[in-house]
Amino acid sequence: MQTGDGRVVYAQYDDGETLRSADGGHTWHVAIAFDRSGNSVCPQGMTTGINTQPGAQDWALCTSQAGAGNQGKQVFRLRSRGWARVACTTIDGGGCHYGGISSYGYPQGIAAASRGDFAIIWETRGTLYVTRNGGRHWIALPKVAPPDAFGWWASVLPHGLGFVILDDGGIQKRRLIETTDAGRTWHVVHHWAATG
């Protein structure tokens, strides 16, 4: 669970679904990023997962129906004129393909610091992606998170500091990794055997 401004609380399930409570956790609703007219940022037929870090609700990750190890992905960033799509890939052979993200893997979430250009997308059966330029170009990190890894959680703090929890798909040995240079290098902070 992560809190926003003290009034709004967010919780995220292992499958990436994010819930929001505006009354201290008494009632919960699906957290969706909306445009100025009150519509979901995501195109019709896509689901929304927003960045739930305190003070950084200016990113949205939209996904299509998953299938055969692939899933369509679109990343939006809130700009002064509204939401803008900064990266996109589809699995239907047409549509959009830009920004460096692949259809391979199932995204679980997106994390970024408030008003920063560094962000992380974590996946299951995929890899980690980082951007250092506000989402215009994403870099895949298969040496850090190989395709059989499962991403569980990520957090980004100011000044290029980031954390990710991964496990080695099926083995259930989890590790917390850290970057202090916006995803250029990573090291293991802690590892443990997952339970249940």
N, C-alpha and C. Protein backbone atom coordinates (compact mmCIF):
# COMPACT_ATOMS: atom_id res chain seq x y z
N MET A 1 0.84 -1.17 0.00
CA MET A 1 0.00 0.00 0.00
C MET A 1 0.89 1.24 0.00
N GLN A 2 0.53 2.21 -0.79
CA GLN A 2 1.26 3.47 -0.84
C GLN A 2 0.27 4.60 -0.66
N THR A 3 0.67 5.63 0.05
CA THR A 3 -0.23 6.75 0.27
C THR A 3 0.16 7.92 -0.60
N GLY A 4 -0.82 8.70 -0.95
CA GLY A 4 -0.58 9.89 -1.75
C GLY A 4 -0.40 11.09 -0.85
N ASP A 5 -1.38 11.96 -0.79
CA ASP A 5 -1.26 13.20 -0.03
C ASP A 5 -1.79 13.07 1.40
N GLY A 6 -1.97 11.85 1.89
CA GLY A 6 -2.49 11.64 3.22
C GLY A 6 -3.98 11.36 3.23
N ARG A 7 -4.70 11.82 2.22
CA ARG A 7 -6.14 11.56 2.12
C ARG A 7 -6.40 10.40 1.18
N VAL A 8 -5.58 10.27 0.14
CA VAL A 8 -5.78 9.23 -0.86
C VAL A 8 -4.78 8.10 -0.62
N VAL A 9 -5.29 6.87 -0.61
CA VAL A 9 -4.46 5.69 -0.37
C VAL A 9 -4.60 4.77 -1.57
N TYR A 10 -3.47 4.19 -2.03
CA TYR A 10 -3.47 3.26 -3.15
C TYR A 10 -3.00 1.90 -2.68
N ALA A 11 -3.53 0.85 -3.29
CA ALA A 11 -3.08 -0.52 -3.04
C ALA A 11 -3.00 -1.22 -4.38
N GLN A 12 -2.00 -2.09 -4.53
CA GLN A 12 -1.85 -2.80 -5.80
C GLN A 12 -1.75 -4.29 -5.54
N TYR A 13 -2.59 -5.07 -6.25
CA TYR A 13 -2.54 -6.53 -6.19
C TYR A 13 -1.34 -7.03 -6.97
N ASP A 14 -1.01 -8.32 -6.75
CA ASP A 14 0.11 -8.94 -7.46
C ASP A 14 -0.09 -8.94 -8.97
N ASP A 15 -1.35 -8.95 -9.43
CA ASP A 15 -1.60 -8.97 -10.87
C ASP A 15 -1.54 -7.58 -11.50
N GLY A 16 -1.21 -6.56 -10.70
CA GLY A 16 -1.06 -5.21 -11.23
C GLY A 16 -2.26 -4.31 -11.08
N GLU A 17 -3.43 -4.87 -10.73
CA GLU A 17 -4.62 -4.03 -10.55
C GLU A 17 -4.38 -3.07 -9.38
N THR A 18 -4.69 -1.80 -9.62
CA THR A 18 -4.49 -0.78 -8.60
C THR A 18 -5.83 -0.26 -8.12
N LEU A 19 -5.98 -0.18 -6.80
CA LEU A 19 -7.19 0.34 -6.19
C LEU A 19 -6.88 1.64 -5.47
N ARG A 20 -7.92 2.49 -5.29
CA ARG A 20 -7.75 3.81 -4.69
C ARG A 20 -8.83 4.02 -3.64
N SER A 21 -8.44 4.58 -2.51
CA SER A 21 -9.40 4.93 -1.46
C SER A 21 -9.20 6.39 -1.10
N ALA A 22 -10.29 7.15 -1.07
CA ALA A 22 -10.23 8.56 -0.70
C ALA A 22 -10.78 8.79 0.71
N ASP A 23 -11.09 7.68 1.42
CA ASP A 23 -11.65 7.83 2.77
C ASP A 23 -10.87 7.01 3.80
N GLY A 24 -9.57 6.96 3.63
CA GLY A 24 -8.73 6.26 4.61
C GLY A 24 -8.83 4.76 4.58
N GLY A 25 -9.27 4.18 3.48
CA GLY A 25 -9.32 2.74 3.34
C GLY A 25 -10.67 2.11 3.64
N HIS A 26 -11.70 2.90 3.89
CA HIS A 26 -13.03 2.34 4.17
C HIS A 26 -13.69 1.81 2.90
N THR A 27 -13.55 2.51 1.78
CA THR A 27 -14.07 2.04 0.50
C THR A 27 -12.97 2.13 -0.54
N TRP A 28 -13.03 1.22 -1.52
CA TRP A 28 -11.98 1.12 -2.54
C TRP A 28 -12.62 1.09 -3.93
N HIS A 29 -11.94 1.71 -4.91
CA HIS A 29 -12.38 1.73 -6.29
C HIS A 29 -11.15 1.54 -7.18
N VAL A 30 -11.39 1.02 -8.39
CA VAL A 30 -10.28 0.86 -9.33
C VAL A 30 -9.69 2.24 -9.65
N ALA A 31 -8.37 2.34 -9.57
CA ALA A 31 -7.69 3.61 -9.85
C ALA A 31 -7.48 3.72 -11.35
N ILE A 32 -8.02 4.74 -11.93
CA ILE A 32 -7.94 4.96 -13.37
C ILE A 32 -7.46 6.38 -13.63
N ALA A 33 -6.56 6.53 -14.58
CA ALA A 33 -6.11 7.86 -14.98
C ALA A 33 -7.15 8.43 -15.94
N PHE A 34 -7.62 9.64 -15.67
CA PHE A 34 -8.64 10.26 -16.50
C PHE A 34 -8.08 11.47 -17.23
N ASP A 35 -8.64 11.75 -18.42
CA ASP A 35 -8.28 12.97 -19.13
C ASP A 35 -9.16 14.11 -18.61
N ARG A 36 -9.02 15.28 -19.20
CA ARG A 36 -9.76 16.46 -18.71
C ARG A 36 -11.27 16.33 -18.85
N SER A 37 -11.74 15.52 -19.78
CA SER A 37 -13.18 15.37 -19.96
C SER A 37 -13.75 14.23 -19.12
N GLY A 38 -12.94 13.61 -18.28
CA GLY A 38 -13.41 12.55 -17.40
C GLY A 38 -13.39 11.16 -18.00
N ASN A 39 -12.79 11.00 -19.18
CA ASN A 39 -12.67 9.69 -19.81
C ASN A 39 -11.34 9.05 -19.43
N SER A 40 -11.29 7.73 -19.48
CA SER A 40 -10.04 7.03 -19.21
C SER A 40 -8.98 7.46 -20.22
N VAL A 41 -7.76 7.58 -19.76
CA VAL A 41 -6.65 7.91 -20.65
C VAL A 41 -6.44 6.82 -21.69
N CYS A 42 -6.69 5.58 -21.30
CA CYS A 42 -6.43 4.44 -22.18
C CYS A 42 -7.46 4.33 -23.29
N PRO A 43 -7.00 3.91 -24.48
CA PRO A 43 -7.93 3.69 -25.59
C PRO A 43 -8.95 2.62 -25.23
N GLN A 44 -10.08 2.64 -25.89
CA GLN A 44 -11.14 1.67 -25.64
C GLN A 44 -10.59 0.26 -25.83
N GLY A 45 -10.92 -0.62 -24.92
CA GLY A 45 -10.47 -2.01 -25.00
C GLY A 45 -9.18 -2.27 -24.25
N MET A 46 -8.56 -1.21 -23.70
CA MET A 46 -7.34 -1.39 -22.93
C MET A 46 -7.64 -1.10 -21.46
N THR A 47 -6.87 -1.74 -20.59
CA THR A 47 -7.03 -1.50 -19.16
C THR A 47 -5.96 -0.52 -18.69
N THR A 48 -6.22 0.11 -17.56
CA THR A 48 -5.35 1.16 -17.05
C THR A 48 -4.66 0.73 -15.78
N GLY A 49 -3.36 0.97 -15.71
CA GLY A 49 -2.63 0.85 -14.46
C GLY A 49 -1.90 2.16 -14.28
N ILE A 50 -2.17 2.88 -13.21
CA ILE A 50 -1.50 4.16 -13.05
C ILE A 50 -0.32 4.05 -12.12
N ASN A 51 0.56 4.99 -12.22
CA ASN A 51 1.65 5.10 -11.27
C ASN A 51 1.05 5.53 -9.95
N THR A 52 1.29 4.78 -8.90
CA THR A 52 0.66 5.07 -7.62
C THR A 52 1.62 5.66 -6.60
N GLN A 53 2.75 6.15 -7.03
CA GLN A 53 3.67 6.75 -6.08
C GLN A 53 3.16 8.10 -5.62
N PRO A 54 3.37 8.44 -4.35
CA PRO A 54 2.88 9.73 -3.85
C PRO A 54 3.35 10.90 -4.71
N GLY A 55 2.42 11.74 -5.10
CA GLY A 55 2.75 12.96 -5.83
C GLY A 55 3.19 12.76 -7.26
N ALA A 56 3.03 11.55 -7.81
CA ALA A 56 3.52 11.30 -9.16
C ALA A 56 2.47 10.60 -10.01
N GLN A 57 1.26 11.11 -10.02
CA GLN A 57 0.20 10.49 -10.79
C GLN A 57 0.17 11.03 -12.22
N ASP A 58 1.33 11.29 -12.80
CA ASP A 58 1.36 11.85 -14.15
C ASP A 58 1.82 10.84 -15.19
N TRP A 59 1.76 9.54 -14.88
CA TRP A 59 2.08 8.48 -15.82
C TRP A 59 0.91 7.50 -15.85
N ALA A 60 0.64 6.91 -17.00
CA ALA A 60 -0.35 5.84 -17.11
C ALA A 60 0.18 4.78 -18.05
N LEU A 61 0.03 3.53 -17.66
CA LEU A 61 0.42 2.38 -18.48
C LEU A 61 -0.86 1.64 -18.85
N CYS A 62 -1.13 1.53 -20.13
CA CYS A 62 -2.34 0.87 -20.62
C CYS A 62 -1.94 -0.44 -21.30
N THR A 63 -2.74 -1.48 -21.09
CA THR A 63 -2.43 -2.79 -21.68
C THR A 63 -3.64 -3.36 -22.39
N SER A 64 -3.38 -4.14 -23.43
CA SER A 64 -4.45 -4.83 -24.16
C SER A 64 -4.61 -6.23 -23.58
N GLN A 65 -5.49 -7.01 -24.18
CA GLN A 65 -5.67 -8.41 -23.80
C GLN A 65 -4.36 -9.15 -24.04
N ALA A 66 -3.94 -9.95 -23.07
CA ALA A 66 -2.69 -10.71 -23.18
C ALA A 66 -2.93 -12.01 -23.93
N GLY A 67 -1.88 -12.50 -24.59
CA GLY A 67 -1.97 -13.79 -25.27
C GLY A 67 -0.64 -14.26 -25.78
N ALA A 68 -0.33 -15.53 -25.57
CA ALA A 68 0.87 -16.18 -26.10
C ALA A 68 2.15 -15.43 -25.75
N GLY A 69 2.24 -14.96 -24.52
CA GLY A 69 3.47 -14.29 -24.06
C GLY A 69 3.58 -12.84 -24.45
N ASN A 70 2.59 -12.29 -25.10
CA ASN A 70 2.64 -10.91 -25.57
C ASN A 70 1.43 -10.11 -25.08
N GLN A 71 1.63 -8.80 -25.01
CA GLN A 71 0.55 -7.91 -24.61
C GLN A 71 0.83 -6.53 -25.18
N GLY A 72 -0.17 -5.92 -25.78
CA GLY A 72 -0.04 -4.55 -26.27
C GLY A 72 0.14 -3.60 -25.10
N LYS A 73 0.98 -2.56 -25.29
CA LYS A 73 1.30 -1.62 -24.22
C LYS A 73 1.32 -0.21 -24.78
N GLN A 74 0.77 0.72 -24.00
CA GLN A 74 0.86 2.13 -24.35
C GLN A 74 1.19 2.90 -23.07
N VAL A 75 2.13 3.83 -23.16
CA VAL A 75 2.52 4.65 -22.03
C VAL A 75 2.10 6.09 -22.31
N PHE A 76 1.41 6.69 -21.34
CA PHE A 76 0.97 8.07 -21.45
C PHE A 76 1.63 8.89 -20.34
N ARG A 77 1.87 10.16 -20.66
CA ARG A 77 2.46 11.08 -19.69
C ARG A 77 1.62 12.35 -19.66
N LEU A 78 1.32 12.83 -18.46
CA LEU A 78 0.53 14.04 -18.32
C LEU A 78 1.42 15.25 -18.55
N ARG A 79 1.06 16.03 -19.55
CA ARG A 79 1.79 17.25 -19.90
C ARG A 79 0.91 18.46 -19.58
N SER A 80 1.43 19.64 -19.79
CA SER A 80 0.66 20.85 -19.47
C SER A 80 -0.61 20.95 -20.31
N ARG A 81 -0.64 20.35 -21.49
CA ARG A 81 -1.82 20.39 -22.35
C ARG A 81 -2.67 19.14 -22.25
N GLY A 82 -2.38 18.26 -21.30
CA GLY A 82 -3.14 17.03 -21.13
C GLY A 82 -2.28 15.81 -21.33
N TRP A 83 -2.93 14.64 -21.40
CA TRP A 83 -2.22 13.37 -21.54
C TRP A 83 -1.70 13.19 -22.97
N ALA A 84 -0.46 12.72 -23.10
CA ALA A 84 0.15 12.46 -24.40
C ALA A 84 0.73 11.05 -24.41
N ARG A 85 0.48 10.31 -25.47
CA ARG A 85 1.07 8.97 -25.59
C ARG A 85 2.54 9.14 -25.97
N VAL A 86 3.43 8.49 -25.19
CA VAL A 86 4.87 8.64 -25.42
C VAL A 86 5.51 7.36 -25.92
N ALA A 87 4.85 6.20 -25.77
CA ALA A 87 5.39 4.93 -26.27
C ALA A 87 4.23 3.99 -26.52
N CYS A 88 4.41 3.09 -27.51
CA CYS A 88 3.31 2.22 -27.90
C CYS A 88 3.83 1.00 -28.65
N THR A 89 3.22 -0.14 -28.38
CA THR A 89 3.43 -1.33 -29.19
C THR A 89 2.14 -2.15 -29.18
N THR A 90 1.86 -2.82 -30.28
CA THR A 90 0.65 -3.64 -30.38
C THR A 90 1.06 -5.07 -30.73
N ILE A 91 0.12 -6.00 -30.58
CA ILE A 91 0.42 -7.39 -30.90
C ILE A 91 -0.33 -7.87 -32.13
N ASP A 92 -1.10 -6.98 -32.76
CA ASP A 92 -1.92 -7.39 -33.90
C ASP A 92 -1.25 -7.19 -35.25
N GLY A 93 0.02 -6.82 -35.25
CA GLY A 93 0.73 -6.63 -36.51
C GLY A 93 0.57 -5.25 -37.10
N GLY A 94 -0.40 -4.51 -36.69
CA GLY A 94 -0.61 -3.15 -37.18
C GLY A 94 -0.47 -2.18 -36.03
N GLY A 95 -1.06 -1.06 -36.16
CA GLY A 95 -1.05 -0.10 -35.06
C GLY A 95 0.27 0.61 -34.90
N CYS A 96 0.67 0.80 -33.66
CA CYS A 96 1.85 1.63 -33.38
C CYS A 96 3.00 0.81 -32.81
N HIS A 97 4.20 1.22 -33.13
CA HIS A 97 5.41 0.59 -32.61
C HIS A 97 6.47 1.67 -32.49
N TYR A 98 6.53 2.30 -31.32
CA TYR A 98 7.59 3.29 -31.09
C TYR A 98 7.84 3.44 -29.60
N GLY A 99 8.97 3.98 -29.27
CA GLY A 99 9.34 4.22 -27.88
C GLY A 99 10.21 3.16 -27.26
N GLY A 100 10.45 2.03 -27.95
CA GLY A 100 11.38 1.02 -27.45
C GLY A 100 10.77 -0.10 -26.65
N ILE A 101 9.45 -0.07 -26.38
CA ILE A 101 8.84 -1.16 -25.63
C ILE A 101 8.40 -2.26 -26.58
N SER A 102 8.54 -3.51 -26.13
CA SER A 102 8.18 -4.67 -26.93
C SER A 102 6.84 -5.22 -26.47
N SER A 103 6.18 -5.96 -27.34
CA SER A 103 4.92 -6.60 -26.94
C SER A 103 5.18 -7.83 -26.07
N TYR A 104 6.41 -8.33 -26.06
CA TYR A 104 6.73 -9.52 -25.28
C TYR A 104 6.65 -9.21 -23.78
N GLY A 105 6.00 -10.07 -23.02
CA GLY A 105 5.89 -9.90 -21.57
C GLY A 105 4.58 -9.26 -21.17
N TYR A 106 4.27 -9.43 -19.87
CA TYR A 106 3.03 -8.92 -19.30
C TYR A 106 3.35 -7.83 -18.29
N PRO A 107 3.14 -6.56 -18.62
CA PRO A 107 3.48 -5.47 -17.70
C PRO A 107 2.65 -5.53 -16.42
N GLN A 108 3.29 -5.23 -15.31
CA GLN A 108 2.63 -5.23 -14.01
C GLN A 108 2.45 -3.83 -13.45
N GLY A 109 3.27 -2.88 -13.88
CA GLY A 109 3.13 -1.54 -13.36
C GLY A 109 4.20 -0.60 -13.88
N ILE A 110 4.04 0.65 -13.52
CA ILE A 110 4.97 1.71 -13.91
C ILE A 110 5.24 2.56 -12.66
N ALA A 111 6.48 2.94 -12.47
CA ALA A 111 6.86 3.75 -11.31
C ALA A 111 7.73 4.91 -11.77
N ALA A 112 7.51 6.07 -11.17
CA ALA A 112 8.30 7.26 -11.50
C ALA A 112 8.25 8.22 -10.33
N ALA A 113 9.27 9.03 -10.21
CA ALA A 113 9.28 10.06 -9.17
C ALA A 113 8.51 11.28 -9.67
N SER A 114 8.03 12.07 -8.76
CA SER A 114 7.29 13.26 -9.12
C SER A 114 8.11 14.18 -10.01
N ARG A 115 7.53 14.54 -11.14
CA ARG A 115 8.12 15.47 -12.12
C ARG A 115 9.50 15.05 -12.62
N GLY A 116 9.82 13.76 -12.53
CA GLY A 116 11.11 13.28 -13.02
C GLY A 116 10.99 12.65 -14.38
N ASP A 117 12.13 12.48 -15.05
CA ASP A 117 12.17 11.84 -16.36
C ASP A 117 12.54 10.37 -16.28
N PHE A 118 12.96 9.87 -15.11
CA PHE A 118 13.32 8.47 -14.92
C PHE A 118 12.09 7.69 -14.47
N ALA A 119 11.82 6.58 -15.15
CA ALA A 119 10.69 5.72 -14.80
C ALA A 119 11.05 4.27 -15.09
N ILE A 120 10.31 3.35 -14.47
CA ILE A 120 10.52 1.91 -14.62
C ILE A 120 9.18 1.25 -14.94
N ILE A 121 9.19 0.33 -15.90
CA ILE A 121 8.07 -0.59 -16.14
C ILE A 121 8.58 -1.97 -15.76
N TRP A 122 7.80 -2.69 -14.92
CA TRP A 122 8.20 -4.05 -14.59
C TRP A 122 7.14 -5.02 -15.10
N GLU A 123 7.59 -6.25 -15.42
CA GLU A 123 6.74 -7.22 -16.08
C GLU A 123 6.91 -8.61 -15.48
N THR A 124 5.98 -9.51 -15.82
CA THR A 124 6.19 -10.94 -15.64
C THR A 124 6.38 -11.51 -17.03
N ARG A 125 7.22 -12.53 -17.11
CA ARG A 125 7.55 -13.17 -18.39
C ARG A 125 8.04 -12.16 -19.43
N GLY A 126 8.65 -11.11 -18.96
CA GLY A 126 9.20 -10.08 -19.86
C GLY A 126 10.51 -9.59 -19.30
N THR A 127 10.65 -8.31 -19.11
CA THR A 127 11.88 -7.74 -18.58
C THR A 127 11.55 -6.46 -17.82
N LEU A 128 12.57 -5.71 -17.49
CA LEU A 128 12.41 -4.36 -16.96
C LEU A 128 12.67 -3.40 -18.10
N TYR A 129 11.97 -2.28 -18.08
CA TYR A 129 12.24 -1.18 -18.99
C TYR A 129 12.51 0.06 -18.15
N VAL A 130 13.48 0.86 -18.58
CA VAL A 130 13.72 2.15 -17.94
C VAL A 130 13.73 3.23 -19.01
N THR A 131 13.32 4.41 -18.60
CA THR A 131 13.44 5.60 -19.44
C THR A 131 14.11 6.68 -18.61
N ARG A 132 14.92 7.45 -19.27
CA ARG A 132 15.56 8.58 -18.60
C ARG A 132 15.19 9.90 -19.29
N ASN A 133 14.27 9.83 -20.25
CA ASN A 133 13.89 11.04 -20.98
C ASN A 133 12.38 11.25 -21.01
N GLY A 134 11.73 10.92 -19.92
CA GLY A 134 10.30 11.18 -19.81
C GLY A 134 9.41 10.23 -20.58
N GLY A 135 9.92 9.08 -20.98
CA GLY A 135 9.11 8.07 -21.64
C GLY A 135 9.21 8.03 -23.14
N ARG A 136 9.93 8.95 -23.75
CA ARG A 136 10.04 8.94 -25.21
C ARG A 136 10.81 7.73 -25.72
N HIS A 137 11.78 7.25 -24.93
CA HIS A 137 12.52 6.04 -25.32
C HIS A 137 12.75 5.18 -24.08
N TRP A 138 12.36 3.90 -24.21
CA TRP A 138 12.51 2.93 -23.13
C TRP A 138 13.63 1.95 -23.50
N ILE A 139 14.40 1.57 -22.51
CA ILE A 139 15.52 0.64 -22.70
C ILE A 139 15.20 -0.65 -21.97
N ALA A 140 15.21 -1.79 -22.70
CA ALA A 140 14.97 -3.09 -22.09
C ALA A 140 16.23 -3.54 -21.36
N LEU A 141 16.05 -4.21 -20.22
CA LEU A 141 17.17 -4.67 -19.40
C LEU A 141 17.10 -6.18 -19.18
N PRO A 142 17.24 -7.01 -20.25
CA PRO A 142 17.12 -8.46 -20.08
C PRO A 142 18.24 -9.09 -19.25
N LYS A 143 19.38 -8.42 -19.12
CA LYS A 143 20.44 -8.97 -18.26
C LYS A 143 20.10 -8.76 -16.79
N VAL A 144 19.31 -7.75 -16.48
CA VAL A 144 18.88 -7.50 -15.11
C VAL A 144 17.65 -8.35 -14.79
N ALA A 145 16.70 -8.40 -15.71
CA ALA A 145 15.47 -9.18 -15.54
C ALA A 145 15.26 -10.04 -16.78
N PRO A 146 15.79 -11.28 -16.76
CA PRO A 146 15.62 -12.17 -17.92
C PRO A 146 14.15 -12.51 -18.13
N PRO A 147 13.79 -13.00 -19.32
CA PRO A 147 12.38 -13.25 -19.65
C PRO A 147 11.64 -14.19 -18.71
N ASP A 148 12.34 -15.05 -17.98
CA ASP A 148 11.64 -15.95 -17.07
C ASP A 148 11.44 -15.33 -15.68
N ALA A 149 11.91 -14.12 -15.47
CA ALA A 149 11.76 -13.45 -14.18
C ALA A 149 10.35 -12.88 -14.04
N PHE A 150 9.93 -12.74 -12.80
CA PHE A 150 8.65 -12.13 -12.49
C PHE A 150 8.92 -10.84 -11.72
N GLY A 151 8.43 -9.73 -12.22
CA GLY A 151 8.53 -8.46 -11.52
C GLY A 151 7.35 -8.32 -10.57
N TRP A 152 7.62 -7.96 -9.30
CA TRP A 152 6.58 -7.87 -8.30
C TRP A 152 6.26 -6.44 -7.89
N TRP A 153 7.24 -5.56 -7.93
CA TRP A 153 7.05 -4.22 -7.39
C TRP A 153 8.24 -3.36 -7.82
N ALA A 154 8.01 -2.05 -7.94
CA ALA A 154 9.10 -1.11 -8.21
C ALA A 154 8.74 0.23 -7.60
N SER A 155 9.78 0.99 -7.30
CA SER A 155 9.60 2.35 -6.80
C SER A 155 10.75 3.20 -7.31
N VAL A 156 10.43 4.42 -7.67
CA VAL A 156 11.44 5.37 -8.15
C VAL A 156 11.41 6.58 -7.24
N LEU A 157 12.59 7.02 -6.84
CA LEU A 157 12.76 8.20 -6.01
C LEU A 157 13.55 9.24 -6.80
N PRO A 158 13.60 10.48 -6.34
CA PRO A 158 14.36 11.50 -7.06
C PRO A 158 15.84 11.14 -7.20
N HIS A 159 16.48 11.81 -8.12
CA HIS A 159 17.93 11.71 -8.35
C HIS A 159 18.37 10.33 -8.84
N GLY A 160 17.52 9.64 -9.62
CA GLY A 160 17.92 8.39 -10.26
C GLY A 160 17.93 7.17 -9.36
N LEU A 161 17.30 7.25 -8.20
CA LEU A 161 17.26 6.12 -7.28
C LEU A 161 16.02 5.28 -7.58
N GLY A 162 16.22 3.96 -7.71
CA GLY A 162 15.09 3.08 -7.99
C GLY A 162 15.29 1.71 -7.36
N PHE A 163 14.16 1.06 -7.05
CA PHE A 163 14.17 -0.27 -6.44
C PHE A 163 13.18 -1.16 -7.19
N VAL A 164 13.51 -2.45 -7.32
CA VAL A 164 12.63 -3.42 -7.97
C VAL A 164 12.73 -4.74 -7.20
N ILE A 165 11.58 -5.43 -7.04
CA ILE A 165 11.59 -6.79 -6.51
C ILE A 165 11.30 -7.74 -7.66
N LEU A 166 12.20 -8.72 -7.84
CA LEU A 166 12.08 -9.73 -8.89
C LEU A 166 12.16 -11.11 -8.26
N ASP A 167 11.57 -12.11 -8.94
CA ASP A 167 11.88 -13.49 -8.57
C ASP A 167 12.23 -14.25 -9.83
N ASP A 168 12.88 -15.37 -9.63
CA ASP A 168 13.36 -16.19 -10.74
C ASP A 168 12.30 -17.20 -11.13
N GLY A 169 11.28 -16.75 -11.82
CA GLY A 169 10.14 -17.53 -12.28
C GLY A 169 10.14 -19.00 -11.93
N GLY A 170 9.28 -19.38 -11.04
CA GLY A 170 9.13 -20.77 -10.67
C GLY A 170 10.01 -21.19 -9.50
N ILE A 171 11.16 -20.59 -9.35
CA ILE A 171 12.06 -20.94 -8.26
C ILE A 171 11.64 -20.24 -6.98
N GLN A 172 11.01 -19.08 -7.12
CA GLN A 172 10.51 -18.30 -5.99
C GLN A 172 11.61 -17.77 -5.09
N LYS A 173 12.78 -17.54 -5.63
CA LYS A 173 13.83 -16.86 -4.87
C LYS A 173 13.77 -15.39 -5.26
N ARG A 174 13.34 -14.57 -4.34
CA ARG A 174 13.16 -13.15 -4.65
C ARG A 174 14.39 -12.34 -4.29
N ARG A 175 14.52 -11.22 -5.00
CA ARG A 175 15.62 -10.31 -4.71
C ARG A 175 15.15 -8.87 -4.88
N LEU A 176 15.66 -8.02 -4.00
CA LEU A 176 15.44 -6.58 -4.09
C LEU A 176 16.69 -6.00 -4.72
N ILE A 177 16.52 -5.32 -5.86
CA ILE A 177 17.66 -4.72 -6.54
C ILE A 177 17.51 -3.20 -6.51
N GLU A 178 18.64 -2.52 -6.63
CA GLU A 178 18.66 -1.06 -6.52
C GLU A 178 19.52 -0.47 -7.63
N THR A 179 19.09 0.68 -8.11
CA THR A 179 19.91 1.50 -8.99
C THR A 179 20.05 2.88 -8.38
N THR A 180 21.21 3.47 -8.52
CA THR A 180 21.42 4.83 -8.03
C THR A 180 21.75 5.77 -9.19
N ASP A 181 21.73 5.24 -10.42
CA ASP A 181 22.09 6.02 -11.60
C ASP A 181 21.04 5.89 -12.71
N ALA A 182 19.77 5.93 -12.32
CA ALA A 182 18.64 5.91 -13.26
C ALA A 182 18.64 4.68 -14.15
N GLY A 183 18.99 3.52 -13.59
CA GLY A 183 18.88 2.26 -14.31
C GLY A 183 20.07 1.88 -15.14
N ARG A 184 21.16 2.60 -15.06
CA ARG A 184 22.37 2.23 -15.82
C ARG A 184 23.05 1.01 -15.20
N THR A 185 23.12 0.97 -13.87
CA THR A 185 23.70 -0.18 -13.17
C THR A 185 22.76 -0.57 -12.03
N TRP A 186 22.82 -1.86 -11.66
CA TRP A 186 21.96 -2.40 -10.62
C TRP A 186 22.78 -3.29 -9.70
N HIS A 187 22.40 -3.37 -8.45
CA HIS A 187 23.01 -4.34 -7.54
C HIS A 187 21.95 -4.89 -6.59
N VAL A 188 22.19 -6.10 -6.08
CA VAL A 188 21.26 -6.77 -5.18
C VAL A 188 21.42 -6.19 -3.79
N VAL A 189 20.31 -5.75 -3.21
CA VAL A 189 20.29 -5.23 -1.85
C VAL A 189 20.00 -6.35 -0.86
N HIS A 190 19.06 -7.23 -1.23
CA HIS A 190 18.66 -8.32 -0.34
C HIS A 190 18.04 -9.42 -1.17
N HIS A 191 18.14 -10.67 -0.73
CA HIS A 191 17.43 -11.77 -1.38
C HIS A 191 16.87 -12.69 -0.31
N TRP A 192 15.78 -13.38 -0.65
CA TRP A 192 15.11 -14.25 0.30
C TRP A 192 14.25 -15.24 -0.46
N ALA A 193 13.84 -16.31 0.21
CA ALA A 193 12.94 -17.29 -0.37
C ALA A 193 11.53 -16.81 -0.17
N ALA A 194 10.74 -16.82 -1.23
CA ALA A 194 9.34 -16.40 -1.14
C ALA A 194 8.54 -17.46 -0.40
N THR A 195 7.50 -17.03 0.27
CA THR A 195 6.63 -17.96 0.97
C THR A 195 5.26 -17.96 0.33
N GLY A 196 4.56 -19.09 0.45
CA GLY A 196 3.18 -19.22 0.01
C GLY A 196 2.97 -18.80 -1.36
